[in-house]
Protein backbone atom coordinates (compact mmCIF):
# COMPACT_ATOMS: atom_id res chain seq x y z
CA MET A 1 118.13 89.56 86.73
CA GLU A 2 118.34 87.17 83.79
CA THR A 3 116.00 86.98 80.79
CA LEU A 4 115.77 83.56 79.17
CA HIS A 5 113.94 81.97 76.25
CA VAL A 6 111.58 79.28 77.50
CA PRO A 7 112.52 75.97 75.84
CA ASP A 8 110.03 73.87 73.91
CA ALA A 9 107.62 71.89 76.06
CA VAL A 10 108.32 68.24 76.76
CA ASP A 11 105.86 65.60 77.99
CA ASP A 12 103.12 68.02 77.00
CA ASP A 13 100.34 65.72 75.87
CA ALA A 14 97.25 66.66 77.87
CA SER A 15 95.71 63.26 77.03
CA THR A 16 98.32 61.47 79.15
CA PRO A 17 98.57 61.73 82.93
CA PRO A 18 101.47 63.35 84.77
CA SER A 19 103.86 60.77 86.14
CA ASP A 20 104.40 59.74 89.75
CA VAL A 21 101.03 60.93 91.09
CA ARG A 22 97.82 59.13 92.04
CA LEU A 23 95.06 60.15 89.64
CA ALA A 24 91.67 59.61 88.03
CA ARG A 25 90.18 61.13 84.87
CA LEU A 26 87.34 63.66 85.37
CA SER A 27 85.69 66.60 83.62
CA VAL A 28 85.36 69.92 85.43
CA GLU A 29 81.58 69.43 85.45
CA THR A 30 81.86 65.99 87.04
CA TYR A 31 84.36 67.30 89.55
CA HIS A 32 81.95 70.08 90.54
CA ALA A 33 79.09 67.59 90.81
CA MET A 34 81.15 65.38 93.11
CA ILE A 35 81.99 68.38 95.31
CA GLY A 36 78.32 69.37 95.38
CA ALA A 37 77.38 65.83 96.40
CA GLY A 38 79.87 65.92 99.27
CA ILE A 39 82.16 63.28 97.75
CA PHE A 40 85.04 65.75 97.98
CA THR A 41 85.29 68.27 100.80
CA GLU A 42 87.76 70.92 101.88
CA ASN A 43 89.55 68.20 103.83
CA ASP A 44 90.35 66.21 100.68
CA ARG A 45 93.79 67.15 99.35
CA VAL A 46 93.05 66.93 95.64
CA GLU A 47 92.94 69.20 92.60
CA LEU A 48 91.98 68.72 88.96
CA ILE A 49 94.85 69.14 86.46
CA GLU A 50 93.96 68.76 82.76
CA GLY A 51 91.22 66.30 83.60
CA TRP A 52 93.34 64.27 86.03
CA LEU A 53 92.46 64.21 89.71
CA ILE A 54 95.72 64.35 91.64
CA GLU A 55 96.73 64.45 95.27
CA HIS A 56 98.24 67.59 96.76
CA MET A 57 101.71 67.23 98.15
CA PRO A 58 101.95 68.04 101.89
CA LYS A 59 102.65 71.68 102.70
CA TYR A 60 105.84 71.96 104.75
CA PRO A 61 106.57 74.94 107.05
CA PRO A 62 108.79 76.84 104.52
CA HIS A 63 106.02 76.59 101.92
CA LYS A 64 103.37 77.84 104.37
CA PHE A 65 105.65 80.67 105.49
CA SER A 66 106.29 81.91 101.94
CA THR A 67 102.66 81.61 100.88
CA LYS A 68 101.51 83.70 103.85
CA ARG A 69 104.28 86.27 103.29
CA LEU A 70 103.37 86.63 99.62
CA TYR A 71 99.70 87.04 100.46
CA ASP A 72 100.38 89.69 103.12
CA HIS A 73 102.80 91.68 100.95
CA LEU A 74 100.72 91.58 97.77
CA LEU A 75 97.57 92.54 99.65
CA LYS A 76 99.21 95.85 100.59
CA LEU A 77 100.01 96.63 96.94
CA LEU A 78 96.61 95.96 95.41
CA PRO A 79 94.58 98.86 94.00
CA SER A 80 90.83 99.06 94.47
CA GLY A 81 88.91 96.52 92.44
CA TRP A 82 91.39 93.66 92.84
CA GLN A 83 91.59 90.75 95.26
CA VAL A 84 94.34 88.36 96.32
CA TYR A 85 93.54 84.79 97.33
CA ALA A 86 95.74 82.06 98.77
CA GLN A 87 95.29 78.37 97.93
CA GLU A 88 91.82 78.82 96.43
CA ALA A 89 90.57 77.15 93.26
CA VAL A 90 90.46 78.67 89.78
CA THR A 91 88.28 77.16 87.07
CA LEU A 92 89.90 76.44 83.69
CA ALA A 93 88.46 74.50 80.74
CA THR A 94 89.71 71.07 81.89
CA SER A 95 91.34 71.93 85.22
CA GLU A 96 90.58 73.31 88.63
CA PRO A 97 93.95 73.89 90.31
CA GLU A 98 94.40 75.62 93.66
CA PRO A 99 97.37 77.94 93.14
CA ASP A 100 99.18 79.24 96.17
CA ILE A 101 98.49 82.86 95.16
CA GLN A 102 96.15 84.44 92.64
CA ILE A 103 95.35 88.08 91.94
CA VAL A 104 91.87 88.54 90.46
CA LYS A 105 89.75 91.51 89.45
CA GLY A 106 86.45 92.39 91.04
CA THR A 107 85.05 92.31 94.55
CA GLN A 108 84.73 89.39 96.94
CA ASP A 109 80.97 89.40 96.30
CA GLU A 110 81.59 88.38 92.68
CA TYR A 111 83.07 85.06 93.83
CA THR A 112 80.34 83.88 96.17
CA VAL A 113 79.00 81.31 93.67
CA ARG A 114 81.97 80.68 91.38
CA HIS A 115 85.75 80.53 91.31
CA ALA A 116 87.88 82.91 89.30
CA ALA A 117 88.20 82.11 85.59
CA PRO A 118 91.08 82.98 83.22
CA GLY A 119 89.56 86.32 82.22
CA ASP A 120 89.52 87.40 85.88
CA ILE A 121 93.15 86.59 86.65
CA ALA A 122 96.12 88.96 86.45
CA LEU A 123 98.75 86.79 88.13
CA ILE A 124 99.13 83.28 89.52
CA ILE A 125 102.05 82.26 91.76
CA GLU A 126 103.05 78.79 92.89
CA VAL A 127 105.40 78.39 95.86
CA SER A 128 107.61 75.46 94.88
CA ASP A 129 109.86 73.06 96.73
CA SER A 130 108.93 69.38 96.38
CA THR A 131 106.69 70.19 93.37
CA LEU A 132 109.21 72.37 91.54
CA MET A 133 109.48 70.34 88.33
CA PHE A 134 105.70 69.91 88.09
CA ASP A 135 105.09 73.64 88.68
CA LYS A 136 107.73 74.62 86.10
CA GLY A 137 106.54 72.01 83.62
CA ARG A 138 103.01 70.75 83.21
CA LYS A 139 101.37 73.35 85.48
CA LYS A 140 103.16 76.20 83.74
CA ARG A 141 101.98 75.02 80.34
CA MET A 142 98.45 74.51 81.69
CA TYR A 143 98.31 78.14 82.83
CA ALA A 144 99.78 79.33 79.51
CA ARG A 145 97.17 77.40 77.52
CA ALA A 146 94.46 79.01 79.66
CA GLY A 147 95.81 82.45 78.75
CA ILE A 148 96.89 83.48 82.26
CA PRO A 149 99.02 86.57 81.44
CA LEU A 150 101.61 86.18 84.19
CA TYR A 151 102.74 83.11 86.09
CA GLY A 152 105.27 83.22 88.90
CA VAL A 153 107.19 80.43 90.60
CA LEU A 154 108.72 81.23 93.98
CA ASN A 155 111.50 78.66 93.78
CA LEU A 156 112.44 77.73 97.34
CA ILE A 157 115.09 75.27 96.17
CA ASP A 158 117.18 77.79 94.20
CA ARG A 159 115.99 80.77 96.27
CA GLN A 160 114.74 82.82 93.35
CA PHE A 161 111.54 84.07 91.74
CA GLU A 162 110.76 83.11 88.14
CA LEU A 163 108.23 85.27 86.30
CA TYR A 164 106.77 83.80 83.11
CA SER A 165 104.96 85.97 80.55
CA ASN A 166 103.76 86.12 76.93
CA PRO A 167 101.62 82.97 76.79
CA ASP A 168 101.49 81.72 73.21
CA ASN A 169 101.44 78.43 71.34
CA GLY A 170 100.84 76.41 74.51
CA ASP A 171 103.62 77.84 76.67
CA TYR A 172 105.09 81.05 78.04
CA GLN A 173 107.61 82.55 75.68
CA THR A 174 109.60 84.57 78.23
CA VAL A 175 110.90 84.03 81.74
CA VAL A 176 112.73 86.54 83.90
CA VAL A 177 114.61 85.17 86.90
CA TYR A 178 115.00 87.36 90.00
CA ALA A 179 117.65 86.43 92.56
CA ALA A 180 117.10 86.60 96.31
CA ASP A 181 118.67 90.06 96.53
CA GLN A 182 116.36 91.49 93.85
CA ALA A 183 112.70 92.51 93.60
CA PHE A 184 110.18 91.37 91.04
CA PRO A 185 107.57 93.70 89.50
CA VAL A 186 103.90 93.28 90.34
CA VAL A 187 101.91 93.98 87.19
CA ILE A 188 98.13 94.05 87.00
CA ASP A 189 96.33 94.42 83.70
CA GLY A 190 99.49 95.79 82.11
CA GLN A 191 100.09 98.36 84.86
CA HIS A 192 103.11 98.21 87.18
CA ILE A 193 101.70 98.68 90.69
CA GLY A 194 104.83 98.00 92.74
CA SER A 195 107.69 95.64 93.42
CA GLN A 196 108.20 92.78 95.83
CA SER A 197 111.52 91.84 97.40
CA VAL A 198 112.30 88.18 96.82
CA SER A 199 114.23 87.80 100.07
CA ALA A 200 111.26 89.12 102.06
CA VAL A 201 109.10 86.16 101.01
CA LEU A 202 111.76 83.44 101.27
CA PRO A 203 112.01 81.36 104.46
């Protein structure tokens, strides 16, 4: 296990689009209106990142495997009053990403007419292979600015789990890296509820 200082953000201007993706500029309200009008459906592979509509990258078998493993394992750890969702939207001020895993407080009934918001969320995890730099860069800073307390990246390229914490000043101030032969802590609302083996969720 290695504890590192997170370096200063680069390319962090939310008024400019991320590079190398197809995009359009939208507000969250407009995005919701377009979904309500049927312009976007569940079959459209898009998400809203800091006001930019971007295409999802295809999900390859290793990514799907790890996402399902994480969901199954975390579900067993959750105390009453918490839910885990896979690849469902969360609503931020200027974004509506669809993280691979999110742990949110409350019951399923509380999310029948809305997505989870930052105050509901204990942990977000992205499973990363082809999107690794984006997930460790712009997406990480987006979640930090929203005040998400913990952000994890299951790094399939380097076969490790990176847990970011202490969001402040537009970025996470701490990252702890867990190797494949280690386990990372699962923390909800400041309480350690268990640990998850990294190797068990790697393909």
